[in-house]
């Protein structure tokens, strides 16, 4: 599997092919390690970050969201990642100090000249238990089905380089057994929230993805028994209400998988344009350590929020992609059912 992901970075000319090989080996360990796709707006993809986030939104009964990310469009083989997700709180009135969250996620990622396409669908469940009047503990689990396929005919290999160009008539030397594979995927996580007042809300979580280390290979068992390595996520978020016009949301996110890590930190600010916060302007700035600076802008109109972020590459890759790291869009709708029973755990709001 790792060999395939390294090869999708090769280009149609010898110079670009050499450059992309260097990227895969040295400058871009994340792609070479065959890691999961990711979003810069991790806070807007809560179920992908941690299954314990399912139904983890005390101010609303349900959420529906979607994201689209176009990464490295300055290179001939950009990565495109899309997600659709939703969750809902159930049995709120049946339990005095807790509720159940149910949700689902659909994730699709297309990468490289070989069109390595990954489609994943997850069902998620979480229990949220209030601890006293100012804290909340959540535990979540999800189970999903993953499918991956490649266009083998679009690949070029070392054996097909004739000294001037890649010749498709030459034997690749690669013994593919499948062009499409599928497997079962499991994840679990924990969250803790602390809300001492209506002006401060802090929550932190940890999760482990790919609990079952599923086999993922386009070769037969005799040639490869590649397993998806476990991925460990952790984060801490806060919501701080300064006054009736400003709410600040600092975030830190860390992920580790297969010897590589990702650290993202920054802050998002919400500015109230109306009397009750029905119209808000959103702005944020984040940094992905060693990789990119991220700027985010957005708008919230009543129960709909749209945010757009741009990754400016800060690593050595910027000399090849002109600094164009990624463009990402996120759209979320929040909702409340009629006759809703208020809970003690609430985020700061206008």
C-alpha atoms as a PDB file:
ATOM      1  CA  UNK A   1       0.000   0.000   0.000  1.00  0.00           C
ATOM      2  CA  UNK A   2       2.818   2.393   0.866  1.00  0.00           C
ATOM      3  CA  UNK A   3       4.446   1.691  -2.499  1.00  0.00           C
ATOM      4  CA  UNK A   4       1.225   2.678  -4.255  1.00  0.00           C
ATOM      5  CA  UNK A   5       0.866   5.956  -2.366  1.00  0.00           C
ATOM      6  CA  UNK A   6       4.481   6.827  -3.125  1.00  0.00           C
ATOM      7  CA  UNK A   7       3.933   6.179  -6.824  1.00  0.00           C
ATOM      8  CA  UNK A   8       0.863   8.412  -7.148  1.00  0.00           C
ATOM      9  CA  UNK A   9       3.114  11.433  -6.606  1.00  0.00           C
ATOM     10  CA  UNK A  10       5.058  10.758  -9.835  1.00  0.00           C
ATOM     11  CA  UNK A  11       4.374  13.036 -12.764  1.00  0.00           C
ATOM     12  CA  UNK A  12       4.362  12.725 -16.542  1.00  0.00           C
ATOM     13  CA  UNK A  13       7.810  14.137 -17.107  1.00  0.00           C
ATOM     14  CA  UNK A  14      11.136  12.969 -15.740  1.00  0.00           C
ATOM     15  CA  UNK A  15      11.898  16.192 -13.829  1.00  0.00           C
ATOM     16  CA  UNK A  16       8.561  16.292 -12.037  1.00  0.00           C
ATOM     17  CA  UNK A  17       8.759  12.566 -11.382  1.00  0.00           C
ATOM     18  CA  UNK A  18      12.097  12.988  -9.624  1.00  0.00           C
ATOM     19  CA  UNK A  19      10.811  15.938  -7.600  1.00  0.00           C
ATOM     20  CA  UNK A  20       7.729  14.080  -6.468  1.00  0.00           C
ATOM     21  CA  UNK A  21       9.789  11.042  -5.535  1.00  0.00           C
ATOM     22  CA  UNK A  22      11.893  13.317  -3.325  1.00  0.00           C
ATOM     23  CA  UNK A  23       8.706  14.686  -1.749  1.00  0.00           C
ATOM     24  CA  UNK A  24       7.384  11.218  -0.956  1.00  0.00           C
ATOM     25  CA  UNK A  25      10.648  10.061   0.582  1.00  0.00           C
ATOM     26  CA  UNK A  26      11.822  13.179   2.374  1.00  0.00           C
ATOM     27  CA  UNK A  27       9.625  16.244   2.459  1.00  0.00           C
ATOM     28  CA  UNK A  28       6.187  14.631   2.754  1.00  0.00           C
ATOM     29  CA  UNK A  29       6.311  11.845   5.312  1.00  0.00           C
ATOM     30  CA  UNK A  30       2.541  12.041   5.789  1.00  0.00           C
ATOM     31  CA  UNK A  31       1.807  10.778   2.273  1.00  0.00           C
ATOM     32  CA  UNK A  32       4.613   8.249   2.299  1.00  0.00           C
ATOM     33  CA  UNK A  33       3.269   6.752   5.529  1.00  0.00           C
ATOM     34  CA  UNK A  34      -0.166   6.177   3.938  1.00  0.00           C
ATOM     35  CA  UNK A  35      -1.976   8.152   6.594  1.00  0.00           C
ATOM     36  CA  UNK A  36      -5.612   9.174   6.858  1.00  0.00           C
ATOM     37  CA  UNK A  37      -6.987  12.235   5.061  1.00  0.00           C
ATOM     38  CA  UNK A  38      -7.491  15.253   7.299  1.00  0.00           C
ATOM     39  CA  UNK A  39      -9.248  18.619   7.496  1.00  0.00           C
ATOM     40  CA  UNK A  40      -7.759  21.896   8.701  1.00  0.00           C
ATOM     41  CA  UNK A  41     -11.188  22.737  10.151  1.00  0.00           C
ATOM     42  CA  UNK A  42     -11.056  19.773  12.515  1.00  0.00           C
ATOM     43  CA  UNK A  43     -13.513  21.525  14.844  1.00  0.00           C
ATOM     44  CA  UNK A  44     -16.099  21.409  12.039  1.00  0.00           C
ATOM     45  CA  UNK A  45     -15.703  17.658  11.536  1.00  0.00           C
ATOM     46  CA  UNK A  46     -16.359  16.512  15.112  1.00  0.00           C
ATOM     47  CA  UNK A  47     -17.323  12.889  14.451  1.00  0.00           C
ATOM     48  CA  UNK A  48     -14.151  12.281  12.428  1.00  0.00           C
ATOM     49  CA  UNK A  49     -12.026  13.715  15.235  1.00  0.00           C
ATOM     50  CA  UNK A  50     -13.625  11.728  18.053  1.00  0.00           C
ATOM     51  CA  UNK A  51     -16.728   9.478  18.115  1.00  0.00           C
ATOM     52  CA  UNK A  52     -17.461  10.789  21.633  1.00  0.00           C
ATOM     53  CA  UNK A  53     -18.398  14.072  19.894  1.00  0.00           C
ATOM     54  CA  UNK A  54     -21.565  12.380  18.615  1.00  0.00           C
ATOM     55  CA  UNK A  55     -24.407  14.409  20.110  1.00  0.00           C
ATOM     56  CA  UNK A  56     -21.847  16.455  22.066  1.00  0.00           C
ATOM     57  CA  UNK A  57     -23.498  19.842  21.578  1.00  0.00           C
ATOM     58  CA  UNK A  58     -25.522  20.894  24.610  1.00  0.00           C
ATOM     59  CA  UNK A  59     -27.007  23.977  22.939  1.00  0.00           C
ATOM     60  CA  UNK A  60     -28.676  22.080  20.074  1.00  0.00           C
ATOM     61  CA  UNK A  61     -30.561  18.846  19.491  1.00  0.00           C
ATOM     62  CA  UNK A  62     -29.068  18.010  16.103  1.00  0.00           C
ATOM     63  CA  UNK A  63     -26.404  19.072  13.605  1.00  0.00           C
ATOM     64  CA  UNK A  64     -25.883  18.429   9.898  1.00  0.00           C
ATOM     65  CA  UNK A  65     -22.581  19.345   8.280  1.00  0.00           C
ATOM     66  CA  UNK A  66     -20.412  18.945   5.233  1.00  0.00           C
ATOM     67  CA  UNK A  67     -16.856  19.830   4.214  1.00  0.00           C
ATOM     68  CA  UNK A  68     -14.839  19.975   1.009  1.00  0.00           C
ATOM     69  CA  UNK A  69     -11.044  20.236   0.846  1.00  0.00           C
ATOM     70  CA  UNK A  70      -8.878  20.713  -2.248  1.00  0.00           C
ATOM     71  CA  UNK A  71      -5.236  20.191  -1.263  1.00  0.00           C
ATOM     72  CA  UNK A  72      -2.105  20.997  -3.308  1.00  0.00           C
ATOM     73  CA  UNK A  73      -4.009  22.153  -6.398  1.00  0.00           C
ATOM     74  CA  UNK A  74      -0.745  23.764  -7.539  1.00  0.00           C
ATOM     75  CA  UNK A  75       0.588  20.249  -8.280  1.00  0.00           C
ATOM     76  CA  UNK A  76      -0.605  18.031 -11.147  1.00  0.00           C
ATOM     77  CA  UNK A  77      -2.040  15.490  -8.667  1.00  0.00           C
ATOM     78  CA  UNK A  78      -4.147  17.354  -6.057  1.00  0.00           C
ATOM     79  CA  UNK A  79      -5.966  15.649  -3.186  1.00  0.00           C
ATOM     80  CA  UNK A  80      -9.720  16.170  -2.827  1.00  0.00           C
ATOM     81  CA  UNK A  81     -11.497  15.258   0.407  1.00  0.00           C
ATOM     82  CA  UNK A  82     -15.227  15.489   1.123  1.00  0.00           C
ATOM     83  CA  UNK A  83     -17.335  14.672   4.170  1.00  0.00           C
ATOM     84  CA  UNK A  84     -21.013  14.681   5.104  1.00  0.00           C
ATOM     85  CA  UNK A  85     -22.009  14.089   8.708  1.00  0.00           C
ATOM     86  CA  UNK A  86     -24.838  14.509  11.150  1.00  0.00           C
ATOM     87  CA  UNK A  87     -25.763  13.734  14.742  1.00  0.00           C
ATOM     88  CA  UNK A  88     -28.723  13.999  17.069  1.00  0.00           C
ATOM     89  CA  UNK A  89     -29.418  13.843  20.796  1.00  0.00           C
ATOM     90  CA  UNK A  90     -31.989  11.244  21.844  1.00  0.00           C
ATOM     91  CA  UNK A  91     -33.619  10.204  25.125  1.00  0.00           C
ATOM     92  CA  UNK A  92     -32.974  13.621  26.663  1.00  0.00           C
ATOM     93  CA  UNK A  93     -36.214  13.543  28.597  1.00  0.00           C
ATOM     94  CA  UNK A  94     -35.822   9.941  29.728  1.00  0.00           C
ATOM     95  CA  UNK A  95     -32.683  10.554  31.798  1.00  0.00           C
ATOM     96  CA  UNK A  96     -32.246  13.424  34.228  1.00  0.00           C
ATOM     97  CA  UNK A  97     -28.479  13.747  33.992  1.00  0.00           C
ATOM     98  CA  UNK A  98     -27.551  12.332  30.618  1.00  0.00           C
ATOM     99  CA  UNK A  99     -28.451  11.630  27.020  1.00  0.00           C
ATOM    100  CA  UNK A 100     -27.539   9.464  24.056  1.00  0.00           C
ATOM    101  CA  UNK A 101     -26.012  10.710  20.826  1.00  0.00           C
ATOM    102  CA  UNK A 102     -26.468   9.015  17.451  1.00  0.00           C
ATOM    103  CA  UNK A 103     -24.764  10.013  14.233  1.00  0.00           C
ATOM    104  CA  UNK A 104     -23.158   9.073  10.961  1.00  0.00           C
ATOM    105  CA  UNK A 105     -20.335  10.151   8.661  1.00  0.00           C
ATOM    106  CA  UNK A 106     -19.641   9.684   4.966  1.00  0.00           C
ATOM    107  CA  UNK A 107     -16.031  10.428   3.934  1.00  0.00           C
ATOM    108  CA  UNK A 108     -14.575  10.399   0.431  1.00  0.00           C
ATOM    109  CA  UNK A 109     -11.004  11.124  -0.633  1.00  0.00           C
ATOM    110  CA  UNK A 110      -9.456  11.106  -4.129  1.00  0.00           C
ATOM    111  CA  UNK A 111      -5.671  11.291  -4.346  1.00  0.00           C
ATOM    112  CA  UNK A 112      -3.048  11.354  -7.044  1.00  0.00           C
ATOM    113  CA  UNK A 113      -2.696  10.421 -10.687  1.00  0.00           C
ATOM    114  CA  UNK A 114      -3.829   6.866  -9.898  1.00  0.00           C
ATOM    115  CA  UNK A 115      -7.150   8.207  -8.565  1.00  0.00           C
ATOM    116  CA  UNK A 116      -6.725   6.388  -5.275  1.00  0.00           C
ATOM    117  CA  UNK A 117     -10.317   6.720  -4.087  1.00  0.00           C
ATOM    118  CA  UNK A 118     -11.284   6.074  -0.494  1.00  0.00           C
ATOM    119  CA  UNK A 119     -14.937   5.944   0.583  1.00  0.00           C
ATOM    120  CA  UNK A 120     -15.859   5.369   4.218  1.00  0.00           C
ATOM    121  CA  UNK A 121     -19.221   5.252   5.977  1.00  0.00           C
ATOM    122  CA  UNK A 122     -19.505   5.203   9.788  1.00  0.00           C
ATOM    123  CA  UNK A 123     -22.324   4.855  12.260  1.00  0.00           C
ATOM    124  CA  UNK A 124     -21.602   6.449  15.635  1.00  0.00           C
ATOM    125  CA  UNK A 125     -23.026   6.291  19.164  1.00  0.00           C
ATOM    126  CA  UNK A 126     -22.047   8.120  22.366  1.00  0.00           C
ATOM    127  CA  UNK A 127     -23.304   8.489  25.918  1.00  0.00           C
ATOM    128  CA  UNK A 128     -23.080  11.868  27.687  1.00  0.00           C
ATOM    129  CA  UNK A 129     -23.246  11.909  31.496  1.00  0.00           C
ATOM    130  CA  UNK A 130     -23.469  15.111  33.516  1.00  0.00           C
ATOM    131  CA  UNK A 131     -21.219  15.113  36.594  1.00  0.00           C
ATOM    132  CA  UNK A 132     -22.769  17.528  39.024  1.00  0.00           C
ATOM    133  CA  UNK A 133     -23.822  20.908  37.648  1.00  0.00           C
ATOM    134  CA  UNK A 134     -20.646  22.023  35.875  1.00  0.00           C
ATOM    135  CA  UNK A 135     -19.054  19.089  34.061  1.00  0.00           C
ATOM    136  CA  UNK A 136     -19.854  16.411  31.515  1.00  0.00           C
ATOM    137  CA  UNK A 137     -18.201  13.105  30.609  1.00  0.00           C
ATOM    138  CA  UNK A 138     -18.779  11.425  27.239  1.00  0.00           C
ATOM    139  CA  UNK A 139     -17.772   8.095  25.724  1.00  0.00           C
ATOM    140  CA  UNK A 140     -18.314   7.180  22.089  1.00  0.00           C
ATOM    141  CA  UNK A 141     -17.806   4.376  19.613  1.00  0.00           C
ATOM    142  CA  UNK A 142     -18.297   3.998  15.894  1.00  0.00           C
ATOM    143  CA  UNK A 143     -18.147   1.237  13.343  1.00  0.00           C
ATOM    144  CA  UNK A 144     -17.709   1.694   9.639  1.00  0.00           C
ATOM    145  CA  UNK A 145     -17.064   0.165   6.263  1.00  0.00           C
ATOM    146  CA  UNK A 146     -14.164   1.402   4.141  1.00  0.00           C
ATOM    147  CA  UNK A 147     -13.723   0.890   0.414  1.00  0.00           C
ATOM    148  CA  UNK A 148     -10.653   1.817  -1.642  1.00  0.00           C
ATOM    149  CA  UNK A 149      -9.978   1.517  -5.344  1.00  0.00           C
ATOM    150  CA  UNK A 150      -7.290   2.583  -7.819  1.00  0.00           C
ATOM    151  CA  UNK A 151      -7.005   3.059 -11.577  1.00  0.00           C
ATOM    152  CA  UNK A 152      -4.037   0.782 -12.168  1.00  0.00           C
ATOM    153  CA  UNK A 153      -3.721   1.827 -15.815  1.00  0.00           C
ATOM    154  CA  UNK A 154      -2.987   5.415 -14.731  1.00  0.00           C
ATOM    155  CA  UNK A 155       0.135   4.475 -12.766  1.00  0.00           C
ATOM    156  CA  UNK A 156       3.673   4.783 -14.034  1.00  0.00           C
ATOM    157  CA  UNK A 157       6.553   2.803 -12.537  1.00  0.00           C
ATOM    158  CA  UNK A 158      10.323   2.773 -12.441  1.00  0.00           C
ATOM    159  CA  UNK A 159      10.461  -0.198 -14.852  1.00  0.00           C
ATOM    160  CA  UNK A 160       8.544   1.832 -17.447  1.00  0.00           C
ATOM    161  CA  UNK A 161      11.054   4.704 -17.582  1.00  0.00           C
ATOM    162  CA  UNK A 162      12.991   4.357 -20.849  1.00  0.00           C
ATOM    163  CA  UNK A 163      15.372   7.220 -20.209  1.00  0.00           C
ATOM    164  CA  UNK A 164      13.169   9.851 -21.840  1.00  0.00           C
ATOM    165  CA  UNK A 165       9.595   9.164 -20.767  1.00  0.00           C
ATOM    166  CA  UNK A 166       7.360   6.565 -19.101  1.00  0.00           C
ATOM    167  CA  UNK A 167       6.478   3.929 -21.691  1.00  0.00           C
ATOM    168  CA  UNK A 168       3.158   2.209 -20.929  1.00  0.00           C
ATOM    169  CA  UNK A 169       4.124  -0.663 -23.209  1.00  0.00           C
ATOM    170  CA  UNK A 170       6.887  -1.708 -20.821  1.00  0.00           C
ATOM    171  CA  UNK A 171       6.101  -4.172 -18.016  1.00  0.00           C
ATOM    172  CA  UNK A 172       5.569  -2.497 -14.671  1.00  0.00           C
ATOM    173  CA  UNK A 173       6.752  -5.479 -12.632  1.00  0.00           C
ATOM    174  CA  UNK A 174       3.906  -4.915 -10.134  1.00  0.00           C
ATOM    175  CA  UNK A 175       1.701  -7.892  -9.249  1.00  0.00           C
ATOM    176  CA  UNK A 176      -1.651  -6.343  -8.337  1.00  0.00           C
ATOM    177  CA  UNK A 177      -4.267  -8.780  -7.103  1.00  0.00           C
ATOM    178  CA  UNK A 178      -7.102  -6.251  -6.748  1.00  0.00           C
ATOM    179  CA  UNK A 179      -8.109  -2.817  -7.977  1.00  0.00           C
ATOM    180  CA  UNK A 180     -10.693  -2.431  -5.189  1.00  0.00           C
ATOM    181  CA  UNK A 181     -10.659  -3.535  -1.553  1.00  0.00           C
ATOM    182  CA  UNK A 182     -12.899  -3.158   1.500  1.00  0.00           C
ATOM    183  CA  UNK A 183     -12.699  -3.669   5.236  1.00  0.00           C
ATOM    184  CA  UNK A 184     -14.360  -3.038   8.612  1.00  0.00           C
ATOM    185  CA  UNK A 185     -13.092  -0.107  10.682  1.00  0.00           C
ATOM    186  CA  UNK A 186     -13.593   0.634  14.416  1.00  0.00           C
ATOM    187  CA  UNK A 187     -12.968   3.763  16.534  1.00  0.00           C
ATOM    188  CA  UNK A 188     -13.548   4.848  20.149  1.00  0.00           C
ATOM    189  CA  UNK A 189     -13.075   8.000  22.220  1.00  0.00           C
ATOM    190  CA  UNK A 190     -13.640   9.961  25.438  1.00  0.00           C
ATOM    191  CA  UNK A 191     -14.511  13.617  26.086  1.00  0.00           C
ATOM    192  CA  UNK A 192     -14.646  15.742  29.222  1.00  0.00           C
ATOM    193  CA  UNK A 193     -16.270  19.202  29.446  1.00  0.00           C
ATOM    194  CA  UNK A 194     -16.112  21.798  32.223  1.00  0.00           C
ATOM    195  CA  UNK A 195     -18.455  24.811  32.304  1.00  0.00           C
ATOM    196  CA  UNK A 196     -18.109  26.780  35.561  1.00  0.00           C
ATOM    197  CA  UNK A 197     -20.168  29.720  34.256  1.00  0.00           C
ATOM    198  CA  UNK A 198     -22.087  30.941  31.214  1.00  0.00           C
ATOM    199  CA  UNK A 199     -18.922  32.741  30.096  1.00  0.00           C
ATOM    200  CA  UNK A 200     -16.497  29.812  30.012  1.00  0.00           C
ATOM    201  CA  UNK A 201     -16.652  26.336  28.493  1.00  0.00           C
ATOM    202  CA  UNK A 202     -13.654  23.998  28.178  1.00  0.00           C
ATOM    203  CA  UNK A 203     -13.585  20.486  26.782  1.00  0.00           C
ATOM    204  CA  UNK A 204     -10.847  17.989  25.958  1.00  0.00           C
ATOM    205  CA  UNK A 205     -10.897  14.595  24.327  1.00  0.00           C
ATOM    206  CA  UNK A 206      -8.846  11.606  23.248  1.00  0.00           C
ATOM    207  CA  UNK A 207      -9.668   8.963  20.672  1.00  0.00           C
ATOM    208  CA  UNK A 208      -8.192   5.925  18.970  1.00  0.00           C
ATOM    209  CA  UNK A 209      -9.039   5.203  15.352  1.00  0.00           C
ATOM    210  CA  UNK A 210      -8.591   1.897  13.484  1.00  0.00           C
ATOM    211  CA  UNK A 211      -8.846  -0.140  16.669  1.00  0.00           C
ATOM    212  CA  UNK A 212      -8.912  -3.378  14.711  1.00  0.00           C
ATOM    213  CA  UNK A 213      -5.887  -2.570  12.479  1.00  0.00           C
ATOM    214  CA  UNK A 214      -7.708  -3.693   9.313  1.00  0.00           C
ATOM    215  CA  UNK A 215      -5.763  -5.196   6.426  1.00  0.00           C
ATOM    216  CA  UNK A 216      -5.411  -2.774   3.512  1.00  0.00           C
ATOM    217  CA  UNK A 217      -3.564  -3.991   0.437  1.00  0.00           C
ATOM    218  CA  UNK A 218      -4.059  -4.283  -3.305  1.00  0.00           C
ATOM    219  CA  UNK A 219      -1.674  -7.262  -3.344  1.00  0.00           C
ATOM    220  CA  UNK A 220      -2.378 -10.817  -2.222  1.00  0.00           C
ATOM    221  CA  UNK A 221      -1.515 -12.091   1.262  1.00  0.00           C
ATOM    222  CA  UNK A 222       1.731 -13.697   0.086  1.00  0.00           C
ATOM    223  CA  UNK A 223       3.092 -10.356  -1.129  1.00  0.00           C
ATOM    224  CA  UNK A 224       1.648  -7.949   1.420  1.00  0.00           C
ATOM    225  CA  UNK A 225      -0.178  -8.025   4.719  1.00  0.00           C
ATOM    226  CA  UNK A 226      -0.259  -4.268   5.186  1.00  0.00           C
ATOM    227  CA  UNK A 227      -2.368  -3.132   8.151  1.00  0.00           C
ATOM    228  CA  UNK A 228      -3.892   0.291   8.751  1.00  0.00           C
ATOM    229  CA  UNK A 229      -1.992   1.627  11.774  1.00  0.00           C
ATOM    230  CA  UNK A 230      -3.887   2.952  14.784  1.00  0.00           C
ATOM    231  CA  UNK A 231      -4.345   6.710  14.833  1.00  0.00           C
ATOM    232  CA  UNK A 232      -4.413   8.614  18.122  1.00  0.00           C
ATOM    233  CA  UNK A 233      -6.182  11.977  18.347  1.00  0.00           C
ATOM    234  CA  UNK A 234      -6.346  14.462  21.181  1.00  0.00           C
ATOM    235  CA  UNK A 235      -7.688  18.004  21.424  1.00  0.00           C
ATOM    236  CA  UNK A 236      -8.643  20.773  23.786  1.00  0.00           C
ATOM    237  CA  UNK A 237     -11.174  23.493  22.976  1.00  0.00           C
ATOM    238  CA  UNK A 238     -12.464  26.478  24.895  1.00  0.00           C
ATOM    239  CA  UNK A 239     -15.249  28.998  24.456  1.00  0.00           C
ATOM    240  CA  UNK A 240     -14.744  32.312  26.249  1.00  0.00           C
ATOM    241  CA  UNK A 241     -17.404  35.041  26.238  1.00  0.00           C
ATOM    242  CA  UNK A 242     -15.733  38.413  26.652  1.00  0.00           C
ATOM    243  CA  UNK A 243     -18.892  40.517  26.305  1.00  0.00           C
ATOM    244  CA  UNK A 244     -22.085  40.744  24.243  1.00  0.00           C
ATOM    245  CA  UNK A 245     -20.058  41.251  21.044  1.00  0.00           C
ATOM    246  CA  UNK A 246     -17.152  38.791  21.286  1.00  0.00           C
ATOM    247  CA  UNK A 247     -16.706  35.070  21.917  1.00  0.00           C
ATOM    248  CA  UNK A 248     -13.223  33.546  21.549  1.00  0.00           C
ATOM    249  CA  UNK A 249     -12.614  29.881  20.742  1.00  0.00           C
ATOM    250  CA  UNK A 250      -8.998  28.717  21.144  1.00  0.00           C
ATOM    251  CA  UNK A 251      -8.279  25.172  19.886  1.00  0.00           C
ATOM    252  CA  UNK A 252      -5.354  22.753  19.913  1.00  0.00           C
ATOM    253  CA  UNK A 253      -5.409  19.456  18.018  1.00  0.00           C
ATOM    254  CA  UNK A 254      -2.797  16.693  17.944  1.00  0.00           C
ATOM    255  CA  UNK A 255      -2.786  13.487  15.911  1.00  0.00           C
ATOM    256  CA  UNK A 256      -0.270  10.650  15.724  1.00  0.00           C
ATOM    257  CA  UNK A 257      -0.186   7.765  13.280  1.00  0.00           C
ATOM    258  CA  UNK A 258       2.531   5.433  12.022  1.00  0.00           C
ATOM    259  CA  UNK A 259       5.472   7.487  13.275  1.00  0.00           C
ATOM    260  CA  UNK A 260       4.180  10.837  11.956  1.00  0.00           C
ATOM    261  CA  UNK A 261       2.275  13.515  13.813  1.00  0.00           C
ATOM    262  CA  UNK A 262       0.180  16.606  13.206  1.00  0.00           C
ATOM    263  CA  UNK A 263      -0.113  19.548  15.598  1.00  0.00           C
ATOM    264  CA  UNK A 264      -2.577  22.365  14.878  1.00  0.00           C
ATOM    265  CA  UNK A 265      -3.240  25.286  17.178  1.00  0.00           C
ATOM    266  CA  UNK A 266      -4.932  28.655  16.972  1.00  0.00           C
ATOM    267  CA  UNK A 267      -8.066  30.633  17.714  1.00  0.00           C
ATOM    268  CA  UNK A 268     -11.420  31.424  16.182  1.00  0.00           C
ATOM    269  CA  UNK A 269     -13.422  34.531  17.110  1.00  0.00           C
ATOM    270  CA  UNK A 270     -17.162  35.170  16.766  1.00  0.00           C
ATOM    271  CA  UNK A 271     -18.413  38.753  16.496  1.00  0.00           C
ATOM    272  CA  UNK A 272     -22.083  39.473  17.132  1.00  0.00           C
ATOM    273  CA  UNK A 273     -23.793  41.680  14.533  1.00  0.00           C
ATOM    274  CA  UNK A 274     -27.283  41.529  16.043  1.00  0.00           C
ATOM    275  CA  UNK A 275     -29.079  41.704  19.338  1.00  0.00           C
ATOM    276  CA  UNK A 276     -29.317  37.950  19.944  1.00  0.00           C
ATOM    277  CA  UNK A 277     -26.388  36.623  17.956  1.00  0.00           C
ATOM    278  CA  UNK A 278     -28.482  35.578  14.970  1.00  0.00           C
ATOM    279  CA  UNK A 279     -25.898  37.140  12.649  1.00  0.00           C
ATOM    280  CA  UNK A 280     -22.221  36.601  13.358  1.00  0.00           C
ATOM    281  CA  UNK A 281     -18.934  37.211  11.586  1.00  0.00           C
ATOM    282  CA  UNK A 282     -16.286  34.551  12.172  1.00  0.00           C
ATOM    283  CA  UNK A 283     -12.525  34.812  11.796  1.00  0.00           C
ATOM    284  CA  UNK A 284      -9.646  32.591  12.811  1.00  0.00           C
ATOM    285  CA  UNK A 285      -5.938  31.911  12.459  1.00  0.00           C
ATOM    286  CA  UNK A 286      -4.187  28.561  12.985  1.00  0.00           C
ATOM    287  CA  UNK A 287      -0.774  27.034  12.485  1.00  0.00           C
ATOM    288  CA  UNK A 288      -0.014  23.452  11.504  1.00  0.00           C
ATOM    289  CA  UNK A 289       3.477  22.925  12.880  1.00  0.00           C
ATOM    290  CA  UNK A 290       6.087  22.560  10.163  1.00  0.00           C
ATOM    291  CA  UNK A 291       3.528  22.596   7.360  1.00  0.00           C
ATOM    292  CA  UNK A 292       1.095  25.485   6.925  1.00  0.00           C
ATOM    293  CA  UNK A 293      -0.405  28.734   8.212  1.00  0.00           C
ATOM    294  CA  UNK A 294      -4.207  28.628   8.125  1.00  0.00           C
ATOM    295  CA  UNK A 295      -6.571  31.596   7.799  1.00  0.00           C
ATOM    296  CA  UNK A 296     -10.309  31.167   8.305  1.00  0.00           C
ATOM    297  CA  UNK A 297     -13.299  33.425   7.713  1.00  0.00           C
ATOM    298  CA  UNK A 298     -16.996  32.734   7.974  1.00  0.00           C
ATOM    299  CA  UNK A 299     -20.538  33.845   8.626  1.00  0.00           C
ATOM    300  CA  UNK A 300     -23.370  32.522  10.751  1.00  0.00           C
ATOM    301  CA  UNK A 301     -26.974  33.334   9.903  1.00  0.00           C
ATOM    302  CA  UNK A 302     -29.361  32.061  12.579  1.00  0.00           C
ATOM    303  CA  UNK A 303     -28.737  28.301  12.690  1.00  0.00           C
ATOM    304  CA  UNK A 304     -26.475  28.002   9.605  1.00  0.00           C
ATOM    305  CA  UNK A 305     -22.708  28.526   9.661  1.00  0.00           C
ATOM    306  CA  UNK A 306     -20.384  28.733   6.651  1.00  0.00           C
ATOM    307  CA  UNK A 307     -16.599  28.883   7.079  1.00  0.00           C
ATOM    308  CA  UNK A 308     -13.809  28.973   4.517  1.00  0.00           C
ATOM    309  CA  UNK A 309     -10.149  28.347   5.282  1.00  0.00           C
ATOM    310  CA  UNK A 310      -6.949  28.602   3.274  1.00  0.00           C
ATOM    311  CA  UNK A 311      -3.706  26.750   4.009  1.00  0.00           C
ATOM    312  CA  UNK A 312      -0.571  28.627   2.996  1.00  0.00           C
ATOM    313  CA  UNK A 313       2.281  26.124   2.787  1.00  0.00           C
ATOM    314  CA  UNK A 314       5.266  26.991   4.981  1.00  0.00           C
ATOM    315  CA  UNK A 315       7.283  23.807   4.437  1.00  0.00           C
ATOM    316  CA  UNK A 316       9.827  23.143   1.672  1.00  0.00           C
ATOM    317  CA  UNK A 317       6.960  22.089  -0.593  1.00  0.00           C
ATOM    318  CA  UNK A 318       6.040  25.753  -1.156  1.00  0.00           C
ATOM    319  CA  UNK A 319       8.728  26.108  -3.852  1.00  0.00           C
ATOM    320  CA  UNK A 320       6.813  23.562  -5.957  1.00  0.00           C
ATOM    321  CA  UNK A 321       3.164  24.430  -5.179  1.00  0.00           C
ATOM    322  CA  UNK A 322       3.658  28.223  -4.942  1.00  0.00           C
ATOM    323  CA  UNK A 323       2.489  28.096  -1.330  1.00  0.00           C
ATOM    324  CA  UNK A 324      -0.995  26.860  -2.296  1.00  0.00           C
ATOM    325  CA  UNK A 325      -1.610  24.277   0.403  1.00  0.00           C
ATOM    326  CA  UNK A 326      -5.390  23.801   0.527  1.00  0.00           C
ATOM    327  CA  UNK A 327      -8.741  25.497   0.187  1.00  0.00           C
ATOM    328  CA  UNK A 328     -11.459  24.171   2.479  1.00  0.00           C
ATOM    329  CA  UNK A 329     -15.187  24.865   2.914  1.00  0.00           C
ATOM    330  CA  UNK A 330     -17.447  23.842   5.781  1.00  0.00           C
ATOM    331  CA  UNK A 331     -21.219  24.236   6.125  1.00  0.00           C
ATOM    332  CA  UNK A 332     -23.127  23.319   9.309  1.00  0.00           C
ATOM    333  CA  UNK A 333     -26.794  23.595  10.241  1.00  0.00           C
ATOM    334  CA  UNK A 334     -27.799  23.434  13.894  1.00  0.00           C
ATOM    335  CA  UNK A 335     -31.326  22.588  15.044  1.00  0.00           C
ATOM    336  CA  UNK A 336     -33.533  22.440  18.120  1.00  0.00           C
ATOM    337  CA  UNK A 337     -36.693  20.385  18.550  1.00  0.00           C
ATOM    338  CA  UNK A 338     -39.853  21.991  19.881  1.00  0.00           C
ATOM    339  CA  UNK A 339     -40.538  21.339  23.558  1.00  0.00           C
ATOM    340  CA  UNK A 340     -36.847  20.882  24.261  1.00  0.00           C
ATOM    341  CA  UNK A 341     -35.863  20.513  27.920  1.00  0.00           C
ATOM    342  CA  UNK A 342     -32.958  22.851  28.841  1.00  0.00           C
ATOM    343  CA  UNK A 343     -29.822  21.183  30.189  1.00  0.00           C
ATOM    344  CA  UNK A 344     -27.321  22.445  32.743  1.00  0.00           C
ATOM    345  CA  UNK A 345     -24.393  22.149  30.326  1.00  0.00           C
ATOM    346  CA  UNK A 346     -24.428  25.125  28.000  1.00  0.00           C
ATOM    347  CA  UNK A 347     -21.795  26.865  25.897  1.00  0.00           C
ATOM    348  CA  UNK A 348     -21.307  30.632  26.088  1.00  0.00           C
ATOM    349  CA  UNK A 349     -23.723  32.263  23.636  1.00  0.00           C
ATOM    350  CA  UNK A 350     -24.868  35.715  22.598  1.00  0.00           C
END
